[in-house]
Amino acid sequence: MIDEPEIVDTLSPLHPGEVLREEFMKPLGLSAGAVAKALELPRTRIERIVREEIGISTDTALRLGRRFNVSSQFWLNLQTRFETETLLPEIRRELEEIRRIPAAPPSGVRITGPDRVPRRMR
């Protein structure tokens, strides 16, 4: 059986430009210029995205979603995941130094008394 976490750990982060290029533009035979024209964006923006030089902004995600009939959230999720997977190794030690605040009690629960036991509010 394949160990999924091991596979995920060995793959490099997936840039949304790769998805745009490999899953949308190539199969449909679209150039960066054609996509840019349809989206009313500068050709260089699409070229830089598919070369994985820049990320996808909210504006671009909205336009790509409309053009390719997928949600803008699809593109934004790809971008967020790429940024998270890229940045996490760089700042992991710093994150580990940050002390967590205990989770807030659920709505309608009050922390009282010396033992700080949650009690339902009436």
C-alpha atoms as a PDB file:
ATOM      1  CA  MET A   1       0.000   0.000   0.000  1.00  0.00           C
ATOM      2  CA  ILE A   2       1.232   3.512  -0.810  1.00  0.00           C
ATOM      3  CA  ASP A   3       1.809   5.831   2.108  1.00  0.00           C
ATOM      4  CA  GLU A   4       0.068   9.082   1.072  1.00  0.00           C
ATOM      5  CA  PRO A   5       1.906  11.428   3.444  1.00  0.00           C
ATOM      6  CA  GLU A   6       5.209  10.186   2.040  1.00  0.00           C
ATOM      7  CA  ILE A   7       4.082  10.965  -1.512  1.00  0.00           C
ATOM      8  CA  VAL A   8       2.840  14.408  -0.542  1.00  0.00           C
ATOM      9  CA  ASP A   9       6.135  15.130   1.219  1.00  0.00           C
ATOM     10  CA  THR A  10       8.128  14.335  -1.932  1.00  0.00           C
ATOM     11  CA  LEU A  11       6.084  16.414  -4.376  1.00  0.00           C
ATOM     12  CA  SER A  12       6.982  20.036  -4.864  1.00  0.00           C
ATOM     13  CA  PRO A  13       4.218  22.592  -4.276  1.00  0.00           C
ATOM     14  CA  LEU A  14       1.830  22.906  -7.216  1.00  0.00           C
ATOM     15  CA  HIS A  15       1.806  26.418  -8.663  1.00  0.00           C
ATOM     16  CA  PRO A  16      -1.577  27.552 -10.029  1.00  0.00           C
ATOM     17  CA  GLY A  17       0.226  28.623 -13.205  1.00  0.00           C
ATOM     18  CA  GLU A  18       1.083  24.984 -13.872  1.00  0.00           C
ATOM     19  CA  VAL A  19      -2.584  24.050 -13.531  1.00  0.00           C
ATOM     20  CA  LEU A  20      -3.625  26.866 -15.865  1.00  0.00           C
ATOM     21  CA  ARG A  21      -0.999  25.871 -18.423  1.00  0.00           C
ATOM     22  CA  GLU A  22      -1.306  22.056 -18.268  1.00  0.00           C
ATOM     23  CA  GLU A  23      -4.995  21.544 -17.494  1.00  0.00           C
ATOM     24  CA  PHE A  24      -6.629  24.420 -19.339  1.00  0.00           C
ATOM     25  CA  MET A  25      -4.450  26.124 -21.933  1.00  0.00           C
ATOM     26  CA  LYS A  26      -2.643  23.145 -23.483  1.00  0.00           C
ATOM     27  CA  PRO A  27      -5.707  20.889 -23.852  1.00  0.00           C
ATOM     28  CA  LEU A  28      -7.696  23.757 -25.387  1.00  0.00           C
ATOM     29  CA  GLY A  29      -4.821  24.943 -27.572  1.00  0.00           C
ATOM     30  CA  LEU A  30      -4.852  28.410 -26.039  1.00  0.00           C
ATOM     31  CA  SER A  31      -1.962  30.852 -26.014  1.00  0.00           C
ATOM     32  CA  ALA A  32      -1.273  33.308 -23.221  1.00  0.00           C
ATOM     33  CA  GLY A  33      -2.307  36.065 -25.601  1.00  0.00           C
ATOM     34  CA  ALA A  34      -5.658  34.434 -26.335  1.00  0.00           C
ATOM     35  CA  VAL A  35      -6.398  33.914 -22.634  1.00  0.00           C
ATOM     36  CA  ALA A  36      -5.324  37.454 -21.780  1.00  0.00           C
ATOM     37  CA  LYS A  37      -7.486  38.926 -24.535  1.00  0.00           C
ATOM     38  CA  ALA A  38     -10.535  36.938 -23.403  1.00  0.00           C
ATOM     39  CA  LEU A  39      -9.960  38.059 -19.806  1.00  0.00           C
ATOM     40  CA  GLU A  40      -9.163  41.654 -20.752  1.00  0.00           C
ATOM     41  CA  LEU A  41      -5.801  41.422 -18.991  1.00  0.00           C
ATOM     42  CA  PRO A  42      -2.252  42.195 -20.105  1.00  0.00           C
ATOM     43  CA  ARG A  43      -0.689  39.275 -22.007  1.00  0.00           C
ATOM     44  CA  THR A  44       2.391  39.551 -19.794  1.00  0.00           C
ATOM     45  CA  ARG A  45       0.341  38.771 -16.677  1.00  0.00           C
ATOM     46  CA  ILE A  46      -0.834  35.441 -18.098  1.00  0.00           C
ATOM     47  CA  GLU A  47       2.652  34.677 -19.426  1.00  0.00           C
ATOM     48  CA  ARG A  48       4.180  35.301 -16.006  1.00  0.00           C
ATOM     49  CA  ILE A  49       1.542  33.174 -14.270  1.00  0.00           C
ATOM     50  CA  VAL A  50       2.076  30.175 -16.568  1.00  0.00           C
ATOM     51  CA  ARG A  51       5.872  30.563 -16.202  1.00  0.00           C
ATOM     52  CA  GLU A  52       5.187  30.399 -12.447  1.00  0.00           C
ATOM     53  CA  GLU A  53       6.819  33.777 -11.831  1.00  0.00           C
ATOM     54  CA  ILE A  54       3.786  35.366 -10.152  1.00  0.00           C
ATOM     55  CA  GLY A  55       0.695  34.148  -8.387  1.00  0.00           C
ATOM     56  CA  ILE A  56      -2.962  34.545  -9.173  1.00  0.00           C
ATOM     57  CA  SER A  57      -4.676  37.611  -7.718  1.00  0.00           C
ATOM     58  CA  THR A  58      -8.335  37.711  -6.743  1.00  0.00           C
ATOM     59  CA  ASP A  59      -9.066  39.776  -9.857  1.00  0.00           C
ATOM     60  CA  THR A  60      -7.403  37.200 -12.094  1.00  0.00           C
ATOM     61  CA  ALA A  61      -9.086  34.315 -10.237  1.00  0.00           C
ATOM     62  CA  LEU A  62     -12.504  35.866 -10.832  1.00  0.00           C
ATOM     63  CA  ARG A  63     -11.769  36.229 -14.543  1.00  0.00           C
ATOM     64  CA  LEU A  64     -10.280  32.740 -14.920  1.00  0.00           C
ATOM     65  CA  GLY A  65     -13.222  31.238 -13.069  1.00  0.00           C
ATOM     66  CA  ARG A  66     -15.673  32.925 -15.393  1.00  0.00           C
ATOM     67  CA  ARG A  67     -13.768  32.020 -18.566  1.00  0.00           C
ATOM     68  CA  PHE A  68     -13.158  28.363 -17.714  1.00  0.00           C
ATOM     69  CA  ASN A  69     -16.453  27.785 -15.904  1.00  0.00           C
ATOM     70  CA  VAL A  70     -14.921  26.957 -12.526  1.00  0.00           C
ATOM     71  CA  SER A  71     -15.201  28.886  -9.297  1.00  0.00           C
ATOM     72  CA  SER A  72     -12.832  31.712  -8.546  1.00  0.00           C
ATOM     73  CA  GLN A  73     -12.267  29.909  -5.240  1.00  0.00           C
ATOM     74  CA  PHE A  74     -10.692  27.037  -7.207  1.00  0.00           C
ATOM     75  CA  TRP A  75      -7.910  29.386  -8.348  1.00  0.00           C
ATOM     76  CA  LEU A  76      -7.593  31.131  -4.997  1.00  0.00           C
ATOM     77  CA  ASN A  77      -7.353  27.808  -3.154  1.00  0.00           C
ATOM     78  CA  LEU A  78      -4.557  26.708  -5.495  1.00  0.00           C
ATOM     79  CA  GLN A  79      -2.732  29.972  -4.822  1.00  0.00           C
ATOM     80  CA  THR A  80      -3.224  29.782  -1.056  1.00  0.00           C
ATOM     81  CA  ARG A  81      -2.055  26.189  -0.903  1.00  0.00           C
ATOM     82  CA  PHE A  82       1.010  26.968  -3.010  1.00  0.00           C
ATOM     83  CA  GLU A  83       1.953  29.926  -0.822  1.00  0.00           C
ATOM     84  CA  THR A  84       1.401  27.940   2.378  1.00  0.00           C
ATOM     85  CA  GLU A  85       3.452  24.949   1.215  1.00  0.00           C
ATOM     86  CA  THR A  86       6.219  27.232  -0.022  1.00  0.00           C
ATOM     87  CA  LEU A  87       6.379  29.493   3.021  1.00  0.00           C
ATOM     88  CA  LEU A  88       5.888  26.971   5.823  1.00  0.00           C
ATOM     89  CA  PRO A  89       9.349  25.391   5.628  1.00  0.00           C
ATOM     90  CA  GLU A  90      10.911  28.864   5.668  1.00  0.00           C
ATOM     91  CA  ILE A  91       9.150  30.053   8.825  1.00  0.00           C
ATOM     92  CA  ARG A  92       8.450  26.791  10.663  1.00  0.00           C
ATOM     93  CA  ARG A  93      10.907  27.574  13.490  1.00  0.00           C
ATOM     94  CA  GLU A  94       9.477  31.049  13.960  1.00  0.00           C
ATOM     95  CA  LEU A  95       5.943  29.626  14.103  1.00  0.00           C
ATOM     96  CA  GLU A  96       6.983  27.110  16.734  1.00  0.00           C
ATOM     97  CA  GLU A  97       8.171  30.010  18.920  1.00  0.00           C
ATOM     98  CA  ILE A  98       4.726  31.639  18.931  1.00  0.00           C
ATOM     99  CA  ARG A  99       2.728  30.816  22.043  1.00  0.00           C
ATOM    100  CA  ARG A 100      -0.841  29.784  21.382  1.00  0.00           C
ATOM    101  CA  ILE A 101      -3.808  31.390  23.070  1.00  0.00           C
ATOM    102  CA  PRO A 102      -6.134  28.766  24.550  1.00  0.00           C
ATOM    103  CA  ALA A 103      -9.265  28.280  22.492  1.00  0.00           C
ATOM    104  CA  ALA A 104     -12.140  30.564  23.421  1.00  0.00           C
ATOM    105  CA  PRO A 105     -15.108  28.869  25.080  1.00  0.00           C
ATOM    106  CA  PRO A 106     -18.167  28.228  22.923  1.00  0.00           C
ATOM    107  CA  SER A 107     -20.832  30.906  22.787  1.00  0.00           C
ATOM    108  CA  GLY A 108     -23.030  30.823  25.877  1.00  0.00           C
ATOM    109  CA  VAL A 109     -20.305  29.350  28.106  1.00  0.00           C
ATOM    110  CA  ARG A 110     -18.686  31.403  30.849  1.00  0.00           C
ATOM    111  CA  ILE A 111     -15.382  30.549  32.531  1.00  0.00           C
ATOM    112  CA  THR A 112     -15.757  31.171  36.287  1.00  0.00           C
ATOM    113  CA  GLY A 113     -14.268  30.172  39.602  1.00  0.00           C
ATOM    114  CA  PRO A 114     -10.752  29.357  40.698  1.00  0.00           C
ATOM    115  CA  ASP A 115     -10.741  26.066  38.802  1.00  0.00           C
ATOM    116  CA  ARG A 116     -11.787  27.896  35.591  1.00  0.00           C
ATOM    117  CA  VAL A 117     -14.329  25.204  34.739  1.00  0.00           C
ATOM    118  CA  PRO A 118     -16.713  26.230  31.943  1.00  0.00           C
ATOM    119  CA  ARG A 119     -20.305  26.722  33.100  1.00  0.00           C
ATOM    120  CA  ARG A 120     -23.371  27.218  30.951  1.00  0.00           C
ATOM    121  CA  MET A 121     -24.878  30.651  31.057  1.00  0.00           C
ATOM    122  CA  ARG A 122     -28.629  30.785  31.635  1.00  0.00           C
END
